[in-house]
Amino acid sequence: MTDRIRVLHHDGLTFDVLDEGPRDGKPVVLLHGFPERSSTWRLVAPLLHEAGLRTLALDQRGYSPGARPRRRRDYRMSKLVGDVVALIEQVGEPVHLAGHDWGAAVGWAVTLRRPDLVRSWTAVSVPHPAAFARAMKTKSQRRRSRYMLFFNVPLVPELSARSVGGRFDRSMRKAGMTADEVERFRREIVEYGALPHALGWYRALPLLKPGSTDYKTTVPTTFLWSDRDIAITRGGAEATREWVDAPYQFLELSGVSHWIPTQAPDDCAAAIIERVLASEVGA
């Protein structure tokens, strides 16, 4: 019987891992986004377990208390990818991968750099990085991404998040979070001390080499997007098809905001399960 993985030691850091479901189930690694932790999968994971799958949800770099380096360069994409690769290697076999928001960005990069470790890939909300980069040439996507500039201002985002109901909380509500989700953000990110380090992901973006992700993934992929996502335009979502050289499915949810794992968990789980089953049959 496979041992549970509770912690991951990598790069001098210690990460928390939530390993649940049947121990002998096909492993599914779940990557959360900003500003959330592994609990973003709390409604999705039980549905995957019912389908016989084992889930490993990682509190990623900056979120786990033992994995909060201070330097901006410690949050480069290569570092984020390395953490996920280390977890998969500890699992001991290729995994099915799913990621939401920033977790999707990291997941795309894992499929590009280490496709040998990924049996299937379900991206939630965020498109292939090359499709997103092209979308950024449009006024619509640049307008939706203005918050990234705010997150790059030293200390100001952290200070704004100190006030309950302040600018940061209001921006989360505007982005589609419910009042309960904002409260969870305050408890699991702000009070937990993760916010300054989670913002490091955005602050390391200028270190990303242009064009470094301009090639296709070869991993069987499902991309799940919602039409009320205020962060990602339809153009970037639909263009993702051009960047997958493998079986691909684009699924669109109607009337759902950016926060698909918590607001449409049944649809999210179904997309992951369908992709896993298709990939296993094709093995």
Protein backbone atom coordinates (compact mmCIF):
# COMPACT_ATOMS: atom_id res chain seq x y z
CA MET A 1 0.00 0.00 0.00
CA THR A 2 1.36 3.42 -0.98
CA ASP A 3 2.43 5.63 1.93
CA ARG A 4 0.73 8.99 2.34
CA ILE A 5 2.75 12.07 1.46
CA ARG A 6 2.19 14.70 4.13
CA VAL A 7 5.22 16.91 3.48
CA LEU A 8 7.55 17.57 0.59
CA HIS A 9 11.17 18.57 1.20
CA HIS A 10 12.68 20.33 -1.79
CA ASP A 11 15.14 23.13 -2.49
CA GLY A 12 15.75 23.61 1.22
CA LEU A 13 12.04 24.21 1.81
CA THR A 14 9.23 22.21 3.41
CA PHE A 15 5.83 22.04 1.72
CA ASP A 16 2.51 20.85 3.12
CA VAL A 17 0.69 18.22 1.06
CA LEU A 18 -2.91 17.05 1.46
CA ASP A 19 -2.89 13.41 0.31
CA GLU A 20 -6.40 11.94 0.28
CA GLY A 21 -8.59 9.35 -1.41
CA PRO A 22 -7.88 5.70 -2.23
CA ARG A 23 -4.19 4.98 -1.68
CA ASP A 24 -4.14 2.69 -4.71
CA GLY A 25 -6.03 5.16 -6.94
CA LYS A 26 -4.47 6.87 -9.91
CA PRO A 27 -2.69 9.95 -8.49
CA VAL A 28 -4.01 13.39 -9.35
CA VAL A 29 -1.87 16.37 -8.31
CA LEU A 30 -3.94 19.51 -7.64
CA LEU A 31 -2.39 22.99 -7.88
CA HIS A 32 -4.16 25.96 -6.32
CA GLY A 33 -4.05 29.54 -7.52
CA PHE A 34 -3.90 33.02 -5.99
CA PRO A 35 -4.98 33.93 -3.36
CA GLU A 36 -5.93 30.46 -2.16
CA ARG A 37 -4.35 27.31 -0.75
CA SER A 38 -5.00 23.62 -1.28
CA SER A 39 -8.42 24.08 0.34
CA THR A 40 -9.63 25.51 -2.97
CA TRP A 41 -10.07 21.85 -3.97
CA ARG A 42 -12.11 20.92 -0.88
CA LEU A 43 -15.33 20.44 -2.87
CA VAL A 44 -13.68 18.87 -5.92
CA ALA A 45 -11.43 16.31 -4.24
CA PRO A 46 -14.22 14.20 -2.65
CA LEU A 47 -15.80 13.76 -6.08
CA LEU A 48 -12.48 12.57 -7.46
CA HIS A 49 -12.18 10.13 -4.56
CA GLU A 50 -15.62 8.73 -5.36
CA ALA A 51 -14.30 8.05 -8.86
CA GLY A 52 -11.45 6.01 -7.35
CA LEU A 53 -8.75 8.67 -7.68
CA ARG A 54 -6.10 9.65 -5.16
CA THR A 55 -5.51 13.40 -4.81
CA LEU A 56 -2.40 15.25 -3.70
CA ALA A 57 -3.07 18.96 -3.14
CA LEU A 58 0.09 20.99 -2.62
CA ASP A 59 0.34 24.22 -0.64
CA GLN A 60 2.79 25.77 -3.05
CA ARG A 61 5.83 28.00 -2.63
CA GLY A 62 5.01 31.06 -0.54
CA TYR A 63 1.92 29.43 0.94
CA SER A 64 3.35 26.61 3.07
CA PRO A 65 4.89 28.16 6.22
CA GLY A 66 8.09 26.21 5.64
CA ALA A 67 8.41 27.37 2.03
CA ARG A 68 8.43 31.16 2.13
CA PRO A 69 11.71 32.50 0.73
CA ARG A 70 12.00 36.29 0.65
CA ARG A 71 13.82 36.95 -2.63
CA ARG A 72 11.87 37.73 -5.76
CA ARG A 73 13.97 35.36 -7.85
CA ASP A 74 12.92 32.47 -5.61
CA TYR A 75 9.46 32.69 -7.20
CA ARG A 76 10.56 32.31 -10.80
CA MET A 77 8.55 29.86 -12.87
CA SER A 78 11.47 27.43 -12.98
CA LYS A 79 11.34 27.25 -9.17
CA LEU A 80 7.58 26.75 -9.10
CA VAL A 81 7.83 24.00 -11.69
CA GLY A 82 10.68 22.36 -9.78
CA ASP A 83 8.50 22.07 -6.68
CA VAL A 84 5.77 20.24 -8.60
CA VAL A 85 8.29 17.98 -10.32
CA ALA A 86 9.75 17.08 -6.92
CA LEU A 87 6.30 16.11 -5.65
CA ILE A 88 5.60 13.94 -8.70
CA GLU A 89 8.96 12.24 -8.30
CA GLN A 90 8.08 11.50 -4.68
CA VAL A 91 4.79 9.97 -5.85
CA GLY A 92 6.94 7.65 -7.91
CA GLU A 93 4.98 7.55 -11.15
CA PRO A 94 3.55 9.92 -13.76
CA VAL A 95 0.43 11.69 -12.51
CA HIS A 96 -2.70 13.33 -13.77
CA LEU A 97 -2.39 17.08 -13.19
CA ALA A 98 -4.99 19.79 -12.60
CA GLY A 99 -4.46 23.45 -11.78
CA HIS A 100 -6.52 26.58 -11.28
CA ASP A 101 -5.45 30.20 -11.82
CA TRP A 102 -1.72 30.45 -11.02
CA GLY A 103 -1.78 26.71 -10.47
CA ALA A 104 -2.83 26.40 -14.10
CA ALA A 105 0.06 28.61 -15.20
CA VAL A 106 2.48 26.35 -13.33
CA GLY A 107 0.77 23.24 -14.66
CA TRP A 108 1.13 24.40 -18.25
CA ALA A 109 4.84 24.95 -17.63
CA VAL A 110 5.18 21.45 -16.13
CA THR A 111 3.61 19.92 -19.24
CA LEU A 112 6.02 21.88 -21.44
CA ARG A 113 9.17 21.09 -19.47
CA ARG A 114 8.45 17.59 -18.16
CA PRO A 115 5.70 15.97 -20.25
CA ASP A 116 7.09 12.56 -19.29
CA LEU A 117 5.74 13.09 -15.77
CA VAL A 118 2.16 14.00 -16.75
CA ARG A 119 -0.43 11.52 -18.03
CA SER A 120 -3.16 14.13 -18.48
CA TRP A 121 -3.64 17.82 -17.82
CA THR A 122 -6.76 19.77 -16.83
CA ALA A 123 -6.22 23.54 -16.85
CA VAL A 124 -8.87 25.60 -15.08
CA SER A 125 -9.44 29.28 -15.97
CA VAL A 126 -5.95 30.17 -17.26
CA PRO A 127 -4.97 29.41 -20.89
CA HIS A 128 -1.70 28.24 -22.39
CA PRO A 129 0.93 30.93 -21.62
CA ALA A 130 1.58 31.65 -25.30
CA ALA A 131 -2.15 32.14 -25.91
CA PHE A 132 -2.30 34.46 -22.91
CA ALA A 133 0.75 36.42 -24.11
CA ARG A 134 -0.92 37.00 -27.47
CA ALA A 135 -4.15 38.03 -25.74
CA MET A 136 -2.14 40.62 -23.79
CA LYS A 137 -1.66 42.48 -27.06
CA THR A 138 -5.36 43.40 -26.92
CA LYS A 139 -6.74 46.29 -24.90
CA SER A 140 -9.36 44.05 -23.35
CA GLN A 141 -6.87 41.62 -21.81
CA ARG A 142 -4.50 44.39 -20.73
CA ARG A 143 -7.39 46.10 -18.97
CA ARG A 144 -8.31 42.88 -17.19
CA SER A 145 -4.70 42.35 -16.12
CA ARG A 146 -4.11 45.78 -14.60
CA TYR A 147 -4.24 44.27 -11.14
CA MET A 148 -0.85 42.68 -11.85
CA LEU A 149 0.71 46.14 -11.89
CA PHE A 150 -0.85 46.91 -8.51
CA PHE A 151 0.51 43.64 -7.09
CA ASN A 152 4.01 44.68 -8.18
CA VAL A 153 3.98 47.85 -6.09
CA PRO A 154 6.09 47.18 -2.99
CA LEU A 155 4.14 46.86 0.29
CA VAL A 156 0.98 48.61 -0.92
CA PRO A 157 -1.06 45.45 -1.65
CA GLU A 158 -0.07 43.98 1.72
CA LEU A 159 -1.09 47.18 3.50
CA SER A 160 -4.41 47.33 1.66
CA ALA A 161 -5.18 43.76 2.70
CA ARG A 162 -4.85 44.58 6.40
CA SER A 163 -8.20 46.35 6.43
CA VAL A 164 -11.23 44.06 6.61
CA GLY A 165 -13.60 45.13 3.88
CA GLY A 166 -10.92 47.38 2.36
CA ARG A 167 -9.60 47.71 -1.18
CA PHE A 168 -8.20 44.19 -1.37
CA ASP A 169 -11.39 42.57 -0.11
CA ARG A 170 -13.49 44.66 -2.49
CA SER A 171 -11.32 43.66 -5.43
CA MET A 172 -11.84 39.99 -4.55
CA ARG A 173 -15.61 40.49 -4.44
CA LYS A 174 -15.46 42.29 -7.79
CA ALA A 175 -13.54 39.32 -9.19
CA GLY A 176 -16.44 37.05 -8.24
CA MET A 177 -15.53 35.73 -4.80
CA THR A 178 -18.43 35.28 -2.39
CA ALA A 179 -18.38 36.84 1.08
CA ASP A 180 -17.51 33.43 2.54
CA GLU A 181 -14.63 33.03 0.10
CA VAL A 182 -13.25 36.44 1.02
CA GLU A 183 -13.44 35.45 4.68
CA ARG A 184 -11.52 32.28 3.87
CA PHE A 185 -8.94 34.41 2.04
CA ARG A 186 -8.51 36.55 5.14
CA ARG A 187 -8.16 33.51 7.39
CA GLU A 188 -6.03 31.23 5.17
CA ILE A 189 -3.86 33.82 3.40
CA VAL A 190 -3.72 37.14 5.26
CA GLU A 191 -3.84 35.87 8.86
CA TYR A 192 -1.74 32.84 7.89
CA GLY A 193 1.06 35.18 6.79
CA ALA A 194 1.13 33.94 3.20
CA LEU A 195 0.14 37.08 1.29
CA PRO A 196 3.55 38.83 0.94
CA HIS A 197 5.09 35.60 -0.34
CA ALA A 198 2.16 34.72 -2.61
CA LEU A 199 2.58 38.15 -4.22
CA GLY A 200 6.14 37.09 -5.01
CA TRP A 201 4.76 35.07 -7.91
CA TYR A 202 3.59 38.29 -9.58
CA ARG A 203 6.72 40.18 -8.67
CA ALA A 204 8.88 37.53 -10.33
CA LEU A 205 7.02 37.85 -13.64
CA PRO A 206 9.51 40.40 -15.03
CA LEU A 207 12.17 37.68 -14.68
CA LEU A 208 10.35 35.40 -17.13
CA LYS A 209 12.19 35.20 -20.44
CA PRO A 210 9.91 36.32 -23.32
CA GLY A 211 8.99 33.50 -25.66
CA SER A 212 10.20 30.78 -23.30
CA THR A 213 6.80 29.08 -23.41
CA ASP A 214 6.05 29.56 -27.11
CA TYR A 215 5.75 25.91 -27.95
CA LYS A 216 3.04 23.27 -27.80
CA THR A 217 2.28 20.88 -25.01
CA THR A 218 2.12 17.21 -26.00
CA VAL A 219 0.07 16.13 -22.98
CA PRO A 220 -3.65 15.26 -23.42
CA THR A 221 -5.40 18.40 -22.23
CA THR A 222 -8.76 19.77 -21.13
CA PHE A 223 -9.17 23.51 -20.68
CA LEU A 224 -12.10 24.61 -18.51
CA TRP A 225 -13.07 28.28 -18.73
CA SER A 226 -16.06 30.32 -17.55
CA ASP A 227 -17.73 33.17 -19.40
CA ARG A 228 -17.92 35.44 -16.33
CA ASP A 229 -14.19 35.28 -15.69
CA ILE A 230 -13.12 38.92 -15.37
CA ALA A 231 -9.41 38.08 -15.60
CA ILE A 232 -9.24 36.09 -18.85
CA THR A 233 -10.73 37.07 -22.21
CA ARG A 234 -12.44 34.67 -24.55
CA GLY A 235 -9.72 35.29 -27.14
CA GLY A 236 -7.00 33.84 -24.94
CA ALA A 237 -9.22 30.95 -23.94
CA GLU A 238 -10.15 29.94 -27.47
CA ALA A 239 -6.60 30.39 -28.81
CA THR A 240 -5.29 27.73 -26.43
CA ARG A 241 -6.33 25.03 -28.90
CA GLU A 242 -3.48 26.12 -31.17
CA TRP A 243 -0.93 25.26 -28.47
CA VAL A 244 -1.86 21.66 -27.73
CA ASP A 245 -0.44 18.90 -29.92
CA ALA A 246 -2.42 16.11 -28.25
CA PRO A 247 -6.07 15.18 -27.61
CA TYR A 248 -7.75 18.41 -26.52
CA GLN A 249 -11.10 19.57 -25.23
CA PHE A 250 -12.28 23.10 -24.48
CA LEU A 251 -15.15 23.32 -22.02
CA GLU A 252 -16.99 26.57 -21.30
CA LEU A 253 -19.15 27.14 -18.24
CA SER A 254 -21.95 29.68 -18.48
CA GLY A 255 -22.70 32.09 -15.67
CA VAL A 256 -19.71 31.08 -13.53
CA SER A 257 -16.99 33.43 -12.30
CA HIS A 258 -13.23 32.85 -12.19
CA TRP A 259 -13.46 30.70 -9.05
CA ILE A 260 -14.55 27.47 -10.74
CA PRO A 261 -13.29 24.89 -8.18
CA THR A 262 -15.39 26.37 -5.38
CA GLN A 263 -18.35 27.70 -7.38
CA ALA A 264 -18.77 24.87 -9.91
CA PRO A 265 -17.08 21.89 -8.21
CA ASP A 266 -19.25 19.28 -9.95
CA ASP A 267 -18.32 20.58 -13.39
CA CYS A 268 -14.68 20.91 -12.40
CA ALA A 269 -14.49 17.38 -11.05
CA ALA A 270 -16.31 15.98 -14.07
CA ALA A 271 -13.82 17.63 -16.42
CA ILE A 272 -10.87 16.17 -14.52
CA ILE A 273 -12.40 12.70 -14.31
CA GLU A 274 -13.29 12.65 -18.01
CA ARG A 275 -9.76 13.63 -18.99
CA VAL A 276 -8.24 11.06 -16.62
CA LEU A 277 -10.45 8.25 -17.92
CA ALA A 278 -9.79 9.16 -21.56
CA SER A 279 -6.06 9.19 -20.95
CA GLU A 280 -6.11 5.88 -19.06
CA VAL A 281 -8.10 4.20 -21.84
CA GLY A 282 -5.62 5.52 -24.37
CA ALA A 283 -2.64 4.27 -22.37
